[in-house]
Amino acid sequence: MTSKNDRLSFLEEMKDVRRIRKPNRAEITTPRELTPGHLERQRAAVEKSFKDSNPLTSEMVDPLTAHDILCWQRPGIQHGVFRKLKHGQYAIEARLDLHRMTVELARREVFQFIADCARYGLRSVIILHGKGERNPDGIAQLKSYLAKWLPELPNVLAFHSAEKRHGGTGAVYVMVRKSDRDKQHNRELYGSL
């Protein structure tokens, strides 16, 4: 409890104090002038165009249907190796499912997937792209783009539509180039230069 004298001395000390009147609004105005840093960021954004390191095309491609077979190999690929790929005789080391993806998202995913496979030494992989049978125009859009994209990637040696047990014409086996590390390992093992 405070005494009467304490209260009176407090009020005496506070007699010149006035309540600060605040408006009942938040201050939401933003400064209209742009800072030099803001102007520099604007200038840089306009001048520097985005450099996409992904070489895969996003332009129109030749349309394929659900039953078209994808088949391609680089020169120098042995026929026996390609035949084994075609018949799904290599163990599938990784898979990428493109179902329900847009063309642009699939473009990024395929590019990254093949790069990752090459980096980690995965040689035989499968990409599930779907047949496009439900499309009203009958065009298998992702399949059409994939047929164009895979030969554009230097790490892809060959590809072929999958066997029925792995998705048939709605999937594709892909043979990925051997990594430099694996090539060196084989040279050491077998003594070739």
C-alpha atoms as a PDB file:
ATOM      1  CA  MET A   1       0.000   0.000   0.000  1.00  0.00           C
ATOM      2  CA  THR A   2       1.148   3.500  -0.698  1.00  0.00           C
ATOM      3  CA  SER A   3       0.608   6.305   1.728  1.00  0.00           C
ATOM      4  CA  LYS A   4      -1.328   9.489   1.018  1.00  0.00           C
ATOM      5  CA  ASN A   5       1.916  11.487   0.986  1.00  0.00           C
ATOM      6  CA  ASP A   6       3.472   9.155  -1.610  1.00  0.00           C
ATOM      7  CA  ARG A   7       0.478   9.562  -3.899  1.00  0.00           C
ATOM      8  CA  LEU A   8       0.511  13.336  -3.534  1.00  0.00           C
ATOM      9  CA  SER A   9       4.239  13.559  -4.273  1.00  0.00           C
ATOM     10  CA  PHE A  10       3.752  11.306  -7.330  1.00  0.00           C
ATOM     11  CA  LEU A  11       0.940  13.480  -8.667  1.00  0.00           C
ATOM     12  CA  GLU A  12       3.068  16.601  -8.037  1.00  0.00           C
ATOM     13  CA  GLU A  13       5.905  15.135 -10.114  1.00  0.00           C
ATOM     14  CA  MET A  14       3.557  14.145 -12.922  1.00  0.00           C
ATOM     15  CA  LYS A  15       1.578  17.378 -13.165  1.00  0.00           C
ATOM     16  CA  ASP A  16       3.281  18.569 -16.400  1.00  0.00           C
ATOM     17  CA  VAL A  17       2.977  15.196 -18.159  1.00  0.00           C
ATOM     18  CA  ARG A  18       0.494  15.088 -21.049  1.00  0.00           C
ATOM     19  CA  ARG A  19      -0.996  12.004 -22.669  1.00  0.00           C
ATOM     20  CA  ILE A  20       0.328  11.298 -26.163  1.00  0.00           C
ATOM     21  CA  ARG A  21      -2.569  11.304 -28.556  1.00  0.00           C
ATOM     22  CA  LYS A  22      -2.166   8.696 -31.307  1.00  0.00           C
ATOM     23  CA  PRO A  23      -4.436   8.530 -34.293  1.00  0.00           C
ATOM     24  CA  ASN A  24      -6.450   5.345 -34.398  1.00  0.00           C
ATOM     25  CA  ARG A  25      -4.836   4.290 -37.711  1.00  0.00           C
ATOM     26  CA  ALA A  26      -1.813   2.300 -38.764  1.00  0.00           C
ATOM     27  CA  GLU A  27       0.862   4.074 -40.766  1.00  0.00           C
ATOM     28  CA  ILE A  28       0.759   2.285 -44.109  1.00  0.00           C
ATOM     29  CA  THR A  29       2.240   4.751 -46.531  1.00  0.00           C
ATOM     30  CA  THR A  30       5.382   3.647 -48.288  1.00  0.00           C
ATOM     31  CA  PRO A  31       8.074   6.009 -49.410  1.00  0.00           C
ATOM     32  CA  ARG A  32       7.640   6.998 -53.058  1.00  0.00           C
ATOM     33  CA  GLU A  33      11.308   7.519 -53.726  1.00  0.00           C
ATOM     34  CA  LEU A  34      13.371   4.559 -54.858  1.00  0.00           C
ATOM     35  CA  THR A  35      16.664   3.875 -53.177  1.00  0.00           C
ATOM     36  CA  PRO A  36      19.841   3.492 -55.273  1.00  0.00           C
ATOM     37  CA  GLY A  37      19.917  -0.217 -54.420  1.00  0.00           C
ATOM     38  CA  HIS A  38      16.355  -0.647 -55.650  1.00  0.00           C
ATOM     39  CA  LEU A  39      17.144   1.152 -58.901  1.00  0.00           C
ATOM     40  CA  GLU A  40      20.251  -1.011 -59.433  1.00  0.00           C
ATOM     41  CA  ARG A  41      18.280  -4.225 -58.901  1.00  0.00           C
ATOM     42  CA  GLN A  42      15.659  -3.058 -61.396  1.00  0.00           C
ATOM     43  CA  ARG A  43      18.332  -2.216 -63.972  1.00  0.00           C
ATOM     44  CA  ALA A  44      20.096  -5.554 -63.461  1.00  0.00           C
ATOM     45  CA  ALA A  45      16.850  -7.494 -63.792  1.00  0.00           C
ATOM     46  CA  VAL A  46      16.087  -5.841 -67.116  1.00  0.00           C
ATOM     47  CA  GLU A  47      19.611  -6.092 -68.543  1.00  0.00           C
ATOM     48  CA  LYS A  48      20.543  -9.627 -67.485  1.00  0.00           C
ATOM     49  CA  SER A  49      18.480 -12.172 -69.342  1.00  0.00           C
ATOM     50  CA  PHE A  50      17.940 -15.546 -67.703  1.00  0.00           C
ATOM     51  CA  LYS A  51      20.522 -18.080 -68.930  1.00  0.00           C
ATOM     52  CA  ASP A  52      18.898 -21.490 -69.070  1.00  0.00           C
ATOM     53  CA  SER A  53      21.566 -24.215 -68.998  1.00  0.00           C
ATOM     54  CA  ASN A  54      18.993 -26.785 -70.102  1.00  0.00           C
ATOM     55  CA  PRO A  55      19.499 -27.410 -73.853  1.00  0.00           C
ATOM     56  CA  LEU A  56      16.227 -29.284 -74.314  1.00  0.00           C
ATOM     57  CA  THR A  57      13.833 -27.603 -76.711  1.00  0.00           C
ATOM     58  CA  SER A  58      10.435 -26.395 -75.600  1.00  0.00           C
ATOM     59  CA  GLU A  59       9.320 -25.561 -79.145  1.00  0.00           C
ATOM     60  CA  MET A  60       6.789 -27.626 -81.068  1.00  0.00           C
ATOM     61  CA  VAL A  61       7.827 -31.159 -82.008  1.00  0.00           C
ATOM     62  CA  ASP A  62       6.522 -33.808 -84.391  1.00  0.00           C
ATOM     63  CA  PRO A  63       3.444 -35.390 -82.779  1.00  0.00           C
ATOM     64  CA  LEU A  64       3.468 -39.088 -81.897  1.00  0.00           C
ATOM     65  CA  THR A  65       0.535 -41.330 -81.030  1.00  0.00           C
ATOM     66  CA  ALA A  66       0.071 -43.807 -78.204  1.00  0.00           C
ATOM     67  CA  HIS A  67       1.286 -46.762 -80.246  1.00  0.00           C
ATOM     68  CA  ASP A  68       4.369 -45.212 -81.865  1.00  0.00           C
ATOM     69  CA  ILE A  69       7.598 -46.908 -80.815  1.00  0.00           C
ATOM     70  CA  LEU A  70      10.554 -44.799 -79.701  1.00  0.00           C
ATOM     71  CA  CYS A  71      13.847 -46.120 -81.034  1.00  0.00           C
ATOM     72  CA  TRP A  72      17.214 -44.361 -81.342  1.00  0.00           C
ATOM     73  CA  GLN A  73      20.913 -45.080 -80.852  1.00  0.00           C
ATOM     74  CA  ARG A  74      24.132 -43.133 -81.284  1.00  0.00           C
ATOM     75  CA  PRO A  75      26.608 -44.336 -83.897  1.00  0.00           C
ATOM     76  CA  GLY A  76      29.026 -46.847 -82.394  1.00  0.00           C
ATOM     77  CA  ILE A  77      26.570 -48.560 -80.050  1.00  0.00           C
ATOM     78  CA  GLN A  78      26.965 -52.311 -80.510  1.00  0.00           C
ATOM     79  CA  HIS A  79      23.937 -54.101 -81.953  1.00  0.00           C
ATOM     80  CA  GLY A  80      23.950 -56.712 -79.170  1.00  0.00           C
ATOM     81  CA  VAL A  81      23.962 -53.998 -76.510  1.00  0.00           C
ATOM     82  CA  PHE A  82      21.069 -52.194 -78.203  1.00  0.00           C
ATOM     83  CA  ARG A  83      19.130 -55.465 -78.613  1.00  0.00           C
ATOM     84  CA  LYS A  84      19.487 -56.177 -74.864  1.00  0.00           C
ATOM     85  CA  LEU A  85      18.267 -52.639 -74.093  1.00  0.00           C
ATOM     86  CA  LYS A  86      15.332 -53.043 -76.498  1.00  0.00           C
ATOM     87  CA  HIS A  87      14.219 -56.255 -74.789  1.00  0.00           C
ATOM     88  CA  GLY A  88      14.608 -54.882 -71.265  1.00  0.00           C
ATOM     89  CA  GLN A  89      17.392 -57.285 -70.359  1.00  0.00           C
ATOM     90  CA  TYR A  90      19.397 -54.728 -68.383  1.00  0.00           C
ATOM     91  CA  ALA A  91      18.499 -54.166 -64.747  1.00  0.00           C
ATOM     92  CA  ILE A  92      16.604 -50.894 -64.329  1.00  0.00           C
ATOM     93  CA  GLU A  93      18.701 -48.801 -61.958  1.00  0.00           C
ATOM     94  CA  ALA A  94      16.424 -45.748 -61.730  1.00  0.00           C
ATOM     95  CA  ARG A  95      13.053 -44.527 -62.965  1.00  0.00           C
ATOM     96  CA  LEU A  96      11.439 -41.189 -63.676  1.00  0.00           C
ATOM     97  CA  ASP A  97       7.648 -40.859 -63.860  1.00  0.00           C
ATOM     98  CA  LEU A  98       6.423 -37.935 -65.978  1.00  0.00           C
ATOM     99  CA  HIS A  99       2.699 -38.659 -65.629  1.00  0.00           C
ATOM    100  CA  ARG A 100       0.602 -35.541 -64.986  1.00  0.00           C
ATOM    101  CA  MET A 101       3.548 -33.179 -65.564  1.00  0.00           C
ATOM    102  CA  THR A 102       3.462 -30.161 -67.826  1.00  0.00           C
ATOM    103  CA  VAL A 103       5.865 -30.093 -70.760  1.00  0.00           C
ATOM    104  CA  GLU A 104       8.029 -27.455 -69.057  1.00  0.00           C
ATOM    105  CA  LEU A 105       8.235 -29.372 -65.779  1.00  0.00           C
ATOM    106  CA  ALA A 106       8.970 -32.615 -67.653  1.00  0.00           C
ATOM    107  CA  ARG A 107      11.704 -30.785 -69.604  1.00  0.00           C
ATOM    108  CA  ARG A 108      13.441 -29.787 -66.361  1.00  0.00           C
ATOM    109  CA  GLU A 109      12.944 -33.203 -64.747  1.00  0.00           C
ATOM    110  CA  VAL A 110      14.330 -35.165 -67.728  1.00  0.00           C
ATOM    111  CA  PHE A 111      17.372 -32.901 -67.973  1.00  0.00           C
ATOM    112  CA  GLN A 112      18.132 -33.238 -64.242  1.00  0.00           C
ATOM    113  CA  PHE A 113      17.377 -36.975 -64.163  1.00  0.00           C
ATOM    114  CA  ILE A 114      19.793 -37.834 -66.978  1.00  0.00           C
ATOM    115  CA  ALA A 115      22.473 -35.571 -65.460  1.00  0.00           C
ATOM    116  CA  ASP A 116      22.033 -37.285 -62.070  1.00  0.00           C
ATOM    117  CA  CYS A 117      22.171 -40.752 -63.660  1.00  0.00           C
ATOM    118  CA  ALA A 118      25.442 -39.873 -65.400  1.00  0.00           C
ATOM    119  CA  ARG A 119      26.874 -38.386 -62.204  1.00  0.00           C
ATOM    120  CA  TYR A 120      26.047 -41.448 -60.100  1.00  0.00           C
ATOM    121  CA  GLY A 121      27.041 -44.019 -62.706  1.00  0.00           C
ATOM    122  CA  LEU A 122      23.544 -45.351 -63.453  1.00  0.00           C
ATOM    123  CA  ARG A 123      23.591 -46.884 -66.927  1.00  0.00           C
ATOM    124  CA  SER A 124      20.163 -48.402 -67.589  1.00  0.00           C
ATOM    125  CA  VAL A 125      17.115 -46.376 -66.556  1.00  0.00           C
ATOM    126  CA  ILE A 126      13.456 -46.078 -67.507  1.00  0.00           C
ATOM    127  CA  ILE A 127      11.305 -43.003 -68.070  1.00  0.00           C
ATOM    128  CA  LEU A 128       7.530 -43.422 -67.776  1.00  0.00           C
ATOM    129  CA  HIS A 129       5.868 -40.863 -70.037  1.00  0.00           C
ATOM    130  CA  GLY A 130       2.418 -42.338 -70.596  1.00  0.00           C
ATOM    131  CA  LYS A 131       0.709 -43.203 -73.851  1.00  0.00           C
ATOM    132  CA  GLY A 132      -1.570 -40.195 -74.151  1.00  0.00           C
ATOM    133  CA  GLU A 133      -4.543 -42.417 -75.027  1.00  0.00           C
ATOM    134  CA  ARG A 134      -6.936 -40.204 -73.067  1.00  0.00           C
ATOM    135  CA  ASN A 135      -6.016 -37.092 -75.050  1.00  0.00           C
ATOM    136  CA  PRO A 136      -8.922 -36.112 -77.312  1.00  0.00           C
ATOM    137  CA  ASP A 137      -6.571 -35.422 -80.240  1.00  0.00           C
ATOM    138  CA  GLY A 138      -4.773 -38.766 -79.813  1.00  0.00           C
ATOM    139  CA  ILE A 139      -1.350 -37.086 -79.505  1.00  0.00           C
ATOM    140  CA  ALA A 140       1.026 -38.363 -76.842  1.00  0.00           C
ATOM    141  CA  GLN A 141       2.482 -34.981 -75.951  1.00  0.00           C
ATOM    142  CA  LEU A 142       5.156 -35.934 -73.401  1.00  0.00           C
ATOM    143  CA  LYS A 143       6.189 -38.915 -75.502  1.00  0.00           C
ATOM    144  CA  SER A 144       6.587 -36.626 -78.536  1.00  0.00           C
ATOM    145  CA  TYR A 145       8.808 -34.226 -76.609  1.00  0.00           C
ATOM    146  CA  LEU A 146      10.818 -37.035 -75.024  1.00  0.00           C
ATOM    147  CA  ALA A 147      11.608 -38.454 -78.481  1.00  0.00           C
ATOM    148  CA  LYS A 148      13.099 -35.054 -79.358  1.00  0.00           C
ATOM    149  CA  TRP A 149      14.839 -34.400 -76.028  1.00  0.00           C
ATOM    150  CA  LEU A 150      16.739 -37.644 -75.454  1.00  0.00           C
ATOM    151  CA  PRO A 151      18.967 -37.414 -78.577  1.00  0.00           C
ATOM    152  CA  GLU A 152      19.767 -33.797 -77.583  1.00  0.00           C
ATOM    153  CA  LEU A 153      21.412 -35.002 -74.359  1.00  0.00           C
ATOM    154  CA  PRO A 154      25.046 -36.067 -74.832  1.00  0.00           C
ATOM    155  CA  ASN A 155      24.810 -38.514 -71.906  1.00  0.00           C
ATOM    156  CA  VAL A 156      22.103 -40.553 -73.664  1.00  0.00           C
ATOM    157  CA  LEU A 157      23.570 -43.337 -75.800  1.00  0.00           C
ATOM    158  CA  ALA A 158      20.364 -45.087 -76.863  1.00  0.00           C
ATOM    159  CA  PHE A 159      16.704 -45.507 -76.021  1.00  0.00           C
ATOM    160  CA  HIS A 160      13.829 -47.784 -76.975  1.00  0.00           C
ATOM    161  CA  SER A 161      10.172 -48.130 -76.002  1.00  0.00           C
ATOM    162  CA  ALA A 162       9.777 -50.536 -73.104  1.00  0.00           C
ATOM    163  CA  GLU A 163       8.543 -54.100 -73.080  1.00  0.00           C
ATOM    164  CA  LYS A 164       4.875 -54.531 -72.145  1.00  0.00           C
ATOM    165  CA  ARG A 165       5.803 -55.655 -68.613  1.00  0.00           C
ATOM    166  CA  HIS A 166       7.487 -52.274 -68.000  1.00  0.00           C
ATOM    167  CA  GLY A 167       4.831 -50.049 -69.564  1.00  0.00           C
ATOM    168  CA  GLY A 168       5.048 -50.777 -73.283  1.00  0.00           C
ATOM    169  CA  THR A 169       4.823 -47.710 -75.511  1.00  0.00           C
ATOM    170  CA  GLY A 170       4.086 -45.590 -72.419  1.00  0.00           C
ATOM    171  CA  ALA A 171       7.681 -45.944 -71.167  1.00  0.00           C
ATOM    172  CA  VAL A 172      11.167 -45.874 -72.606  1.00  0.00           C
ATOM    173  CA  TYR A 173      14.402 -47.629 -71.646  1.00  0.00           C
ATOM    174  CA  VAL A 174      17.365 -45.258 -71.707  1.00  0.00           C
ATOM    175  CA  MET A 175      21.042 -46.200 -71.818  1.00  0.00           C
ATOM    176  CA  VAL A 176      23.190 -43.541 -70.157  1.00  0.00           C
ATOM    177  CA  ARG A 177      26.826 -42.870 -70.993  1.00  0.00           C
ATOM    178  CA  LYS A 178      29.377 -44.344 -68.628  1.00  0.00           C
ATOM    179  CA  SER A 179      30.858 -41.802 -66.230  1.00  0.00           C
ATOM    180  CA  ASP A 180      34.541 -40.873 -66.515  1.00  0.00           C
ATOM    181  CA  ARG A 181      35.121 -42.515 -63.138  1.00  0.00           C
ATOM    182  CA  ASP A 182      33.652 -45.816 -64.382  1.00  0.00           C
ATOM    183  CA  LYS A 183      35.676 -45.612 -67.605  1.00  0.00           C
ATOM    184  CA  GLN A 184      38.848 -45.133 -65.604  1.00  0.00           C
ATOM    185  CA  HIS A 185      37.910 -48.033 -63.338  1.00  0.00           C
ATOM    186  CA  ASN A 186      37.466 -50.307 -66.383  1.00  0.00           C
ATOM    187  CA  ARG A 187      40.835 -49.188 -67.801  1.00  0.00           C
ATOM    188  CA  GLU A 188      42.498 -50.089 -64.530  1.00  0.00           C
ATOM    189  CA  LEU A 189      40.703 -53.424 -64.343  1.00  0.00           C
ATOM    190  CA  TYR A 190      41.284 -54.545 -67.890  1.00  0.00           C
ATOM    191  CA  GLY A 191      44.521 -52.706 -68.640  1.00  0.00           C
ATOM    192  CA  SER A 192      43.366 -50.785 -71.705  1.00  0.00           C
ATOM    193  CA  LEU A 193      44.550 -47.237 -72.329  1.00  0.00           C
END
